[in-house]
């Protein structure tokens, strides 16, 4: 099973970074209001970027790294 680190663009144009083992299901869950309390006021969200990892640990490490990045750096990654 693969794990993914992903970046969502929220309705207010902010970014949300997370991990999952099923991207399509996770985006649907977020948009249904059941994925994250943080996102409730920022719905709907759109998947902007994702990366694949062999395990949850590697995906989590990348998530932590991306969460520490500036908005500009995230935008550069998304636009590649």
PDB file of N, CA and C in Angstrom:
ATOM      1  N   UNK A   1       0.837  -1.182   0.000  1.00  0.00           N
ATOM      2  CA  UNK A   1       0.000   0.000   0.000  1.00  0.00           C
ATOM      3  C   UNK A   1       0.885   1.249   0.000  1.00  0.00           C
ATOM      4  N   UNK A   2       0.557   2.182  -0.846  1.00  0.00           N
ATOM      5  CA  UNK A   2       1.282   3.445  -0.909  1.00  0.00           C
ATOM      6  C   UNK A   2       0.631   4.485  -0.010  1.00  0.00           C
ATOM      7  N   UNK A   3       1.409   5.456   0.392  1.00  0.00           N
ATOM      8  CA  UNK A   3       0.927   6.618   1.138  1.00  0.00           C
ATOM      9  C   UNK A   3       1.250   7.859   0.334  1.00  0.00           C
ATOM     10  N   UNK A   4       0.456   8.891   0.547  1.00  0.00           N
ATOM     11  CA  UNK A   4       0.586  10.130  -0.225  1.00  0.00           C
ATOM     12  C   UNK A   4       0.651  11.329   0.712  1.00  0.00           C
ATOM     13  N   UNK A   5       1.500  12.267   0.352  1.00  0.00           N
ATOM     14  CA  UNK A   5       1.494  13.593   0.961  1.00  0.00           C
ATOM     15  C   UNK A   5       0.826  14.488  -0.066  1.00  0.00           C
ATOM     16  N   UNK A   6      -0.104  15.323   0.386  1.00  0.00           N
ATOM     17  CA  UNK A   6      -0.866  16.131  -0.567  1.00  0.00           C
ATOM     18  C   UNK A   6      -1.017  17.568  -0.081  1.00  0.00           C
ATOM     19  N   UNK A   7      -1.273  18.444  -1.046  1.00  0.00           N
ATOM     20  CA  UNK A   7      -1.569  19.846  -0.765  1.00  0.00           C
ATOM     21  C   UNK A   7      -2.917  20.170  -1.388  1.00  0.00           C
ATOM     22  N   UNK A   8      -3.793  20.730  -0.582  1.00  0.00           N
ATOM     23  CA  UNK A   8      -5.101  21.176  -1.055  1.00  0.00           C
ATOM     24  C   UNK A   8      -5.128  22.695  -1.127  1.00  0.00           C
ATOM     25  N   UNK A   9      -5.881  23.221  -2.070  1.00  0.00           N
ATOM     26  CA  UNK A   9      -6.171  24.655  -2.107  1.00  0.00           C
ATOM     27  C   UNK A   9      -7.586  24.813  -1.567  1.00  0.00           C
ATOM     28  N   UNK A  10      -7.718  25.664  -0.579  1.00  0.00           N
ATOM     29  CA  UNK A  10      -9.008  25.890   0.071  1.00  0.00           C
ATOM     30  C   UNK A  10      -9.759  27.047  -0.583  1.00  0.00           C
ATOM     31  N   UNK A  11     -11.038  27.155  -0.261  1.00  0.00           N
ATOM     32  CA  UNK A  11     -11.885  28.226  -0.813  1.00  0.00           C
ATOM     33  C   UNK A  11     -11.300  29.609  -0.550  1.00  0.00           C
ATOM     34  N   UNK A  12     -10.650  29.780   0.606  1.00  0.00           N
ATOM     35  CA  UNK A  12     -10.066  31.085   0.937  1.00  0.00           C
ATOM     36  C   UNK A  12      -8.659  31.256   0.378  1.00  0.00           C
ATOM     37  N   UNK A  13      -8.248  30.340  -0.513  1.00  0.00           N
ATOM     38  CA  UNK A  13      -6.952  30.380  -1.190  1.00  0.00           C
ATOM     39  C   UNK A  13      -5.780  29.982  -0.286  1.00  0.00           C
ATOM     40  N   UNK A  14      -6.057  29.452   0.886  1.00  0.00           N
ATOM     41  CA  UNK A  14      -4.992  28.950   1.755  1.00  0.00           C
ATOM     42  C   UNK A  14      -4.656  27.522   1.330  1.00  0.00           C
ATOM     43  N   UNK A  15      -3.542  27.015   1.845  1.00  0.00           N
ATOM     44  CA  UNK A  15      -3.113  25.649   1.556  1.00  0.00           C
ATOM     45  C   UNK A  15      -3.285  24.775   2.780  1.00  0.00           C
ATOM     46  N   UNK A  16      -3.580  23.522   2.544  1.00  0.00           N
ATOM     47  CA  UNK A  16      -3.688  22.517   3.599  1.00  0.00           C
ATOM     48  C   UNK A  16      -2.822  21.339   3.179  1.00  0.00           C
ATOM     49  N   UNK A  17      -1.945  20.885   4.062  1.00  0.00           N
ATOM     50  CA  UNK A  17      -1.056  19.765   3.777  1.00  0.00           C
ATOM     51  C   UNK A  17      -1.454  18.583   4.653  1.00  0.00           C
ATOM     52  N   UNK A  18      -1.525  17.401   4.056  1.00  0.00           N
ATOM     53  CA  UNK A  18      -1.873  16.215   4.820  1.00  0.00           C
ATOM     54  C   UNK A  18      -1.314  14.957   4.188  1.00  0.00           C
ATOM     55  N   UNK A  19      -1.619  13.799   4.813  1.00  0.00           N
ATOM     56  CA  UNK A  19      -1.230  12.509   4.261  1.00  0.00           C
ATOM     57  C   UNK A  19      -2.451  11.596   4.236  1.00  0.00           C
ATOM     58  N   UNK A  20      -2.388  10.596   3.367  1.00  0.00           N
ATOM     59  CA  UNK A  20      -3.464   9.616   3.255  1.00  0.00           C
ATOM     60  C   UNK A  20      -2.960   8.407   2.479  1.00  0.00           C
ATOM     61  N   UNK A  21      -3.715   7.328   2.544  1.00  0.00           N
ATOM     62  CA  UNK A  21      -3.406   6.183   1.690  1.00  0.00           C
ATOM     63  C   UNK A  21      -4.415   6.061   0.547  1.00  0.00           C
ATOM     64  N   UNK A  22      -5.330   7.044   0.434  1.00  0.00           N
ATOM     65  CA  UNK A  22      -6.312   7.070  -0.644  1.00  0.00           C
ATOM     66  C   UNK A  22      -6.705   8.529  -0.914  1.00  0.00           C
ATOM     67  N   UNK A  23      -6.067   9.139  -1.881  1.00  0.00           N
ATOM     68  CA  UNK A  23      -6.257  10.576  -2.139  1.00  0.00           C
ATOM     69  C   UNK A  23      -7.697  10.905  -2.540  1.00  0.00           C
ATOM     70  N   UNK A  24      -8.240  10.159  -3.485  1.00  0.00           N
ATOM     71  CA  UNK A  24      -9.584  10.474  -3.972  1.00  0.00           C
ATOM     72  C   UNK A  24     -10.603  10.434  -2.825  1.00  0.00           C
ATOM     73  N   UNK A  25     -10.534   9.380  -2.031  1.00  0.00           N
ATOM     74  CA  UNK A  25     -11.455   9.243  -0.905  1.00  0.00           C
ATOM     75  C   UNK A  25     -11.249  10.360   0.124  1.00  0.00           C
ATOM     76  N   UNK A  26      -9.991  10.742   0.353  1.00  0.00           N
ATOM     77  CA  UNK A  26      -9.688  11.767   1.353  1.00  0.00           C
ATOM     78  C   UNK A  26     -10.230  13.131   0.917  1.00  0.00           C
ATOM     79  N   UNK A  27     -10.082  13.488  -0.339  1.00  0.00           N
ATOM     80  CA  UNK A  27     -10.601  14.778  -0.826  1.00  0.00           C
ATOM     81  C   UNK A  27     -12.124  14.802  -0.707  1.00  0.00           C
ATOM     82  N   UNK A  28     -12.771  13.695  -1.059  1.00  0.00           N
ATOM     83  CA  UNK A  28     -14.233  13.612  -0.912  1.00  0.00           C
ATOM     84  C   UNK A  28     -14.624  13.756   0.558  1.00  0.00           C
ATOM     85  N   UNK A  29     -13.876  13.094   1.432  1.00  0.00           N
ATOM     86  CA  UNK A  29     -14.148  13.174   2.865  1.00  0.00           C
ATOM     87  C   UNK A  29     -13.992  14.613   3.367  1.00  0.00           C
ATOM     88  N   UNK A  30     -12.915  15.274   2.947  1.00  0.00           N
ATOM     89  CA  UNK A  30     -12.713  16.675   3.338  1.00  0.00           C
ATOM     90  C   UNK A  30     -13.892  17.525   2.867  1.00  0.00           C
ATOM     91  N   UNK A  31     -14.276  17.384   1.613  1.00  0.00           N
ATOM     92  CA  UNK A  31     -15.345  18.219   1.058  1.00  0.00           C
ATOM     93  C   UNK A  31     -16.724  17.899   1.646  1.00  0.00           C
ATOM     94  N   UNK A  32     -16.857  16.747   2.260  1.00  0.00           N
ATOM     95  CA  UNK A  32     -18.118  16.415   2.925  1.00  0.00           C
ATOM     96  C   UNK A  32     -18.180  16.999   4.338  1.00  0.00           C
ATOM     97  N   UNK A  33     -17.061  17.604   4.781  1.00  0.00           N
ATOM     98  CA  UNK A  33     -17.012  18.194   6.114  1.00  0.00           C
ATOM     99  C   UNK A  33     -16.589  17.231   7.197  1.00  0.00           C
ATOM    100  N   UNK A  34     -16.166  16.027   6.821  1.00  0.00           N
ATOM    101  CA  UNK A  34     -15.799  15.012   7.799  1.00  0.00           C
ATOM    102  C   UNK A  34     -14.300  14.732   7.861  1.00  0.00           C
ATOM    103  N   UNK A  35     -13.505  15.413   7.046  1.00  0.00           N
ATOM    104  CA  UNK A  35     -12.076  15.109   6.975  1.00  0.00           C
ATOM    105  C   UNK A  35     -11.225  15.827   7.989  1.00  0.00           C
ATOM    106  N   UNK A  36     -11.573  17.059   8.323  1.00  0.00           N
ATOM    107  CA  UNK A  36     -10.758  17.860   9.224  1.00  0.00           C
ATOM    108  C   UNK A  36     -11.583  19.036   9.738  1.00  0.00           C
ATOM    109  N   UNK A  37     -11.596  19.212  11.041  1.00  0.00           N
ATOM    110  CA  UNK A  37     -12.322  20.350  11.621  1.00  0.00           C
ATOM    111  C   UNK A  37     -11.749  21.670  11.132  1.00  0.00           C
ATOM    112  N   UNK A  38     -10.435  21.713  10.932  1.00  0.00           N
ATOM    113  CA  UNK A  38      -9.771  22.923  10.466  1.00  0.00           C
ATOM    114  C   UNK A  38     -10.359  23.405   9.138  1.00  0.00           C
ATOM    115  N   UNK A  39     -10.722  22.473   8.285  1.00  0.00           N
ATOM    116  CA  UNK A  39     -11.182  22.836   6.943  1.00  0.00           C
ATOM    117  C   UNK A  39     -12.663  23.187   6.849  1.00  0.00           C
ATOM    118  N   UNK A  40     -13.427  23.005   7.893  1.00  0.00           N
ATOM    119  CA  UNK A  40     -14.870  23.222   7.819  1.00  0.00           C
ATOM    120  C   UNK A  40     -15.256  24.588   7.260  1.00  0.00           C
ATOM    121  N   UNK A  41     -14.534  25.626   7.641  1.00  0.00           N
ATOM    122  CA  UNK A  41     -14.859  26.971   7.163  1.00  0.00           C
ATOM    123  C   UNK A  41     -14.145  27.316   5.859  1.00  0.00           C
ATOM    124  N   UNK A  42     -13.390  26.362   5.307  1.00  0.00           N
ATOM    125  CA  UNK A  42     -12.588  26.628   4.115  1.00  0.00           C
ATOM    126  C   UNK A  42     -13.014  25.803   2.909  1.00  0.00           C
ATOM    127  N   UNK A  43     -14.143  25.132   3.032  1.00  0.00           N
ATOM    128  CA  UNK A  43     -14.611  24.250   1.959  1.00  0.00           C
ATOM    129  C   UNK A  43     -15.273  25.038   0.843  1.00  0.00           C
ATOM    130  N   UNK A  44     -15.228  24.559  -0.382  1.00  0.00           N
ATOM    131  CA  UNK A  44     -14.639  23.308  -0.813  1.00  0.00           C
ATOM    132  C   UNK A  44     -13.129  23.420  -1.002  1.00  0.00           C
ATOM    133  N   UNK A  45     -12.485  22.262  -1.071  1.00  0.00           N
ATOM    134  CA  UNK A  45     -11.047  22.193  -1.317  1.00  0.00           C
ATOM    135  C   UNK A  45     -10.806  21.474  -2.640  1.00  0.00           C
ATOM    136  N   UNK A  46      -9.652  21.744  -3.232  1.00  0.00           N
ATOM    137  CA  UNK A  46      -9.251  21.127  -4.492  1.00  0.00           C
ATOM    138  C   UNK A  46      -7.842  20.588  -4.335  1.00  0.00           C
ATOM    139  N   UNK A  47      -7.606  19.387  -4.825  1.00  0.00           N
ATOM    140  CA  UNK A  47      -6.271  18.814  -4.785  1.00  0.00           C
ATOM    141  C   UNK A  47      -5.361  19.591  -5.728  1.00  0.00           C
ATOM    142  N   UNK A  48      -4.257  20.098  -5.191  1.00  0.00           N
ATOM    143  CA  UNK A  48      -3.324  20.877  -5.994  1.00  0.00           C
ATOM    144  C   UNK A  48      -2.043  20.108  -6.308  1.00  0.00           C
ATOM    145  N   UNK A  49      -1.671  19.162  -5.417  1.00  0.00           N
ATOM    146  CA  UNK A  49      -0.383  18.496  -5.562  1.00  0.00           C
ATOM    147  C   UNK A  49      -0.358  17.243  -4.702  1.00  0.00           C
ATOM    148  N   UNK A  50       0.349  16.218  -5.170  1.00  0.00           N
ATOM    149  CA  UNK A  50       0.551  15.031  -4.340  1.00  0.00           C
ATOM    150  C   UNK A  50       1.857  14.342  -4.698  1.00  0.00           C
ATOM    151  N   UNK A  51       2.387  13.618  -3.729  1.00  0.00           N
ATOM    152  CA  UNK A  51       3.592  12.812  -3.897  1.00  0.00           C
ATOM    153  C   UNK A  51       3.306  11.431  -3.308  1.00  0.00           C
ATOM    154  N   UNK A  52       3.927  10.395  -3.869  1.00  0.00           N
ATOM    155  CA  UNK A  52       3.724   9.018  -3.426  1.00  0.00           C
ATOM    156  C   UNK A  52       4.920   8.547  -2.612  1.00  0.00           C
ATOM    157  N   UNK A  53       4.623   7.811  -1.531  1.00  0.00           N
ATOM    158  CA  UNK A  53       5.666   7.268  -0.653  1.00  0.00           C
ATOM    159  C   UNK A  53       5.377   5.803  -0.349  1.00  0.00           C
ATOM    160  N   UNK A  54       6.425   5.033  -0.057  1.00  0.00           N
ATOM    161  CA  UNK A  54       6.234   3.602   0.184  1.00  0.00           C
ATOM    162  C   UNK A  54       5.608   3.258   1.534  1.00  0.00           C
ATOM    163  N   UNK A  55       5.608   4.220   2.465  1.00  0.00           N
ATOM    164  CA  UNK A  55       5.058   3.936   3.791  1.00  0.00           C
ATOM    165  C   UNK A  55       4.595   5.227   4.470  1.00  0.00           C
ATOM    166  N   UNK A  56       3.847   5.052   5.543  1.00  0.00           N
ATOM    167  CA  UNK A  56       3.264   6.176   6.265  1.00  0.00           C
ATOM    168  C   UNK A  56       4.337   7.070   6.876  1.00  0.00           C
ATOM    169  N   UNK A  57       5.396   6.473   7.382  1.00  0.00           N
ATOM    170  CA  UNK A  57       6.460   7.235   8.025  1.00  0.00           C
ATOM    171  C   UNK A  57       7.109   8.226   7.060  1.00  0.00           C
ATOM    172  N   UNK A  58       7.406   7.778   5.856  1.00  0.00           N
ATOM    173  CA  UNK A  58       8.030   8.657   4.858  1.00  0.00           C
ATOM    174  C   UNK A  58       7.075   9.780   4.454  1.00  0.00           C
ATOM    175  N   UNK A  59       5.794   9.445   4.303  1.00  0.00           N
ATOM    176  CA  UNK A  59       4.798  10.467   3.946  1.00  0.00           C
ATOM    177  C   UNK A  59       4.673  11.494   5.062  1.00  0.00           C
ATOM    178  N   UNK A  60       4.684  11.045   6.310  1.00  0.00           N
ATOM    179  CA  UNK A  60       4.559  11.948   7.462  1.00  0.00           C
ATOM    180  C   UNK A  60       5.763  12.892   7.543  1.00  0.00           C
ATOM    181  N   UNK A  61       6.949  12.380   7.296  1.00  0.00           N
ATOM    182  CA  UNK A  61       8.153  13.226   7.322  1.00  0.00           C
ATOM    183  C   UNK A  61       8.053  14.339   6.284  1.00  0.00           C
ATOM    184  N   UNK A  62       7.585  13.982   5.093  1.00  0.00           N
ATOM    185  CA  UNK A  62       7.434  14.987   4.041  1.00  0.00           C
ATOM    186  C   UNK A  62       6.333  15.988   4.400  1.00  0.00           C
ATOM    187  N   UNK A  63       5.254  15.509   5.010  1.00  0.00           N
ATOM    188  CA  UNK A  63       4.177  16.402   5.448  1.00  0.00           C
ATOM    189  C   UNK A  63       4.718  17.455   6.409  1.00  0.00           C
ATOM    190  N   UNK A  64       5.482  17.024   7.382  1.00  0.00           N
ATOM    191  CA  UNK A  64       6.054  17.948   8.364  1.00  0.00           C
ATOM    192  C   UNK A  64       6.957  18.962   7.665  1.00  0.00           C
ATOM    193  N   UNK A  65       7.749  18.486   6.707  1.00  0.00           N
ATOM    194  CA  UNK A  65       8.626  19.387   5.963  1.00  0.00           C
ATOM    195  C   UNK A  65       7.811  20.439   5.199  1.00  0.00           C
ATOM    196  N   UNK A  66       6.791  19.987   4.472  1.00  0.00           N
ATOM    197  CA  UNK A  66       5.985  20.917   3.671  1.00  0.00           C
ATOM    198  C   UNK A  66       5.229  21.914   4.537  1.00  0.00           C
ATOM    199  N   UNK A  67       4.758  21.479   5.693  1.00  0.00           N
ATOM    200  CA  UNK A  67       4.042  22.390   6.587  1.00  0.00           C
ATOM    201  C   UNK A  67       4.949  23.518   7.072  1.00  0.00           C
ATOM    202  N   UNK A  68       6.242  23.291   7.080  1.00  0.00           N
ATOM    203  CA  UNK A  68       7.185  24.314   7.497  1.00  0.00           C
ATOM    204  C   UNK A  68       7.584  25.280   6.390  1.00  0.00           C
ATOM    205  N   UNK A  69       7.182  24.981   5.191  1.00  0.00           N
ATOM    206  CA  UNK A  69       7.537  25.820   4.049  1.00  0.00           C
ATOM    207  C   UNK A  69       6.663  27.077   3.978  1.00  0.00           C
ATOM    208  N   UNK A  70       7.211  28.094   3.354  1.00  0.00           N
ATOM    209  CA  UNK A  70       6.455  29.323   3.107  1.00  0.00           C
ATOM    210  C   UNK A  70       5.432  29.078   1.998  1.00  0.00           C
ATOM    211  N   UNK A  71       4.476  29.975   1.903  1.00  0.00           N
ATOM    212  CA  UNK A  71       3.470  29.885   0.844  1.00  0.00           C
ATOM    213  C   UNK A  71       4.129  29.918  -0.536  1.00  0.00           C
ATOM    214  N   UNK A  72       5.113  30.785  -0.700  1.00  0.00           N
ATOM    215  CA  UNK A  72       5.790  30.923  -1.992  1.00  0.00           C
ATOM    216  C   UNK A  72       6.481  29.619  -2.384  1.00  0.00           C
ATOM    217  N   UNK A  73       7.131  28.987  -1.443  1.00  0.00           N
ATOM    218  CA  UNK A  73       7.826  27.732  -1.725  1.00  0.00           C
ATOM    219  C   UNK A  73       6.821  26.633  -2.093  1.00  0.00           C
ATOM    220  N   UNK A  74       5.680  26.598  -1.415  1.00  0.00           N
ATOM    221  CA  UNK A  74       4.637  25.624  -1.763  1.00  0.00           C
ATOM    222  C   UNK A  74       4.109  25.905  -3.170  1.00  0.00           C
ATOM    223  N   UNK A  75       3.905  27.160  -3.517  1.00  0.00           N
ATOM    224  CA  UNK A  75       3.422  27.516  -4.839  1.00  0.00           C
ATOM    225  C   UNK A  75       4.408  27.097  -5.932  1.00  0.00           C
ATOM    226  N   UNK A  76       5.696  27.239  -5.639  1.00  0.00           N
ATOM    227  CA  UNK A  76       6.709  26.811  -6.606  1.00  0.00           C
ATOM    228  C   UNK A  76       6.669  25.304  -6.805  1.00  0.00           C
ATOM    229  N   UNK A  77       6.468  24.558  -5.733  1.00  0.00           N
ATOM    230  CA  UNK A  77       6.368  23.114  -5.831  1.00  0.00           C
ATOM    231  C   UNK A  77       5.134  22.712  -6.649  1.00  0.00           C
ATOM    232  N   UNK A  78       4.018  23.331  -6.372  1.00  0.00           N
ATOM    233  CA  UNK A  78       2.768  23.020  -7.081  1.00  0.00           C
ATOM    234  C   UNK A  78       2.880  23.317  -8.576  1.00  0.00           C
ATOM    235  N   UNK A  79       3.571  24.380  -8.921  1.00  0.00           N
ATOM    236  CA  UNK A  79       3.641  24.809 -10.320  1.00  0.00           C
ATOM    237  C   UNK A  79       4.653  24.035 -11.153  1.00  0.00           C
ATOM    238  N   UNK A  80       5.387  23.133 -10.569  1.00  0.00           N
ATOM    239  CA  UNK A  80       6.369  22.334 -11.346  1.00  0.00           C
ATOM    240  C   UNK A  80       5.698  21.477 -12.370  1.00  0.00           C
TER     241      UNK A  80
END
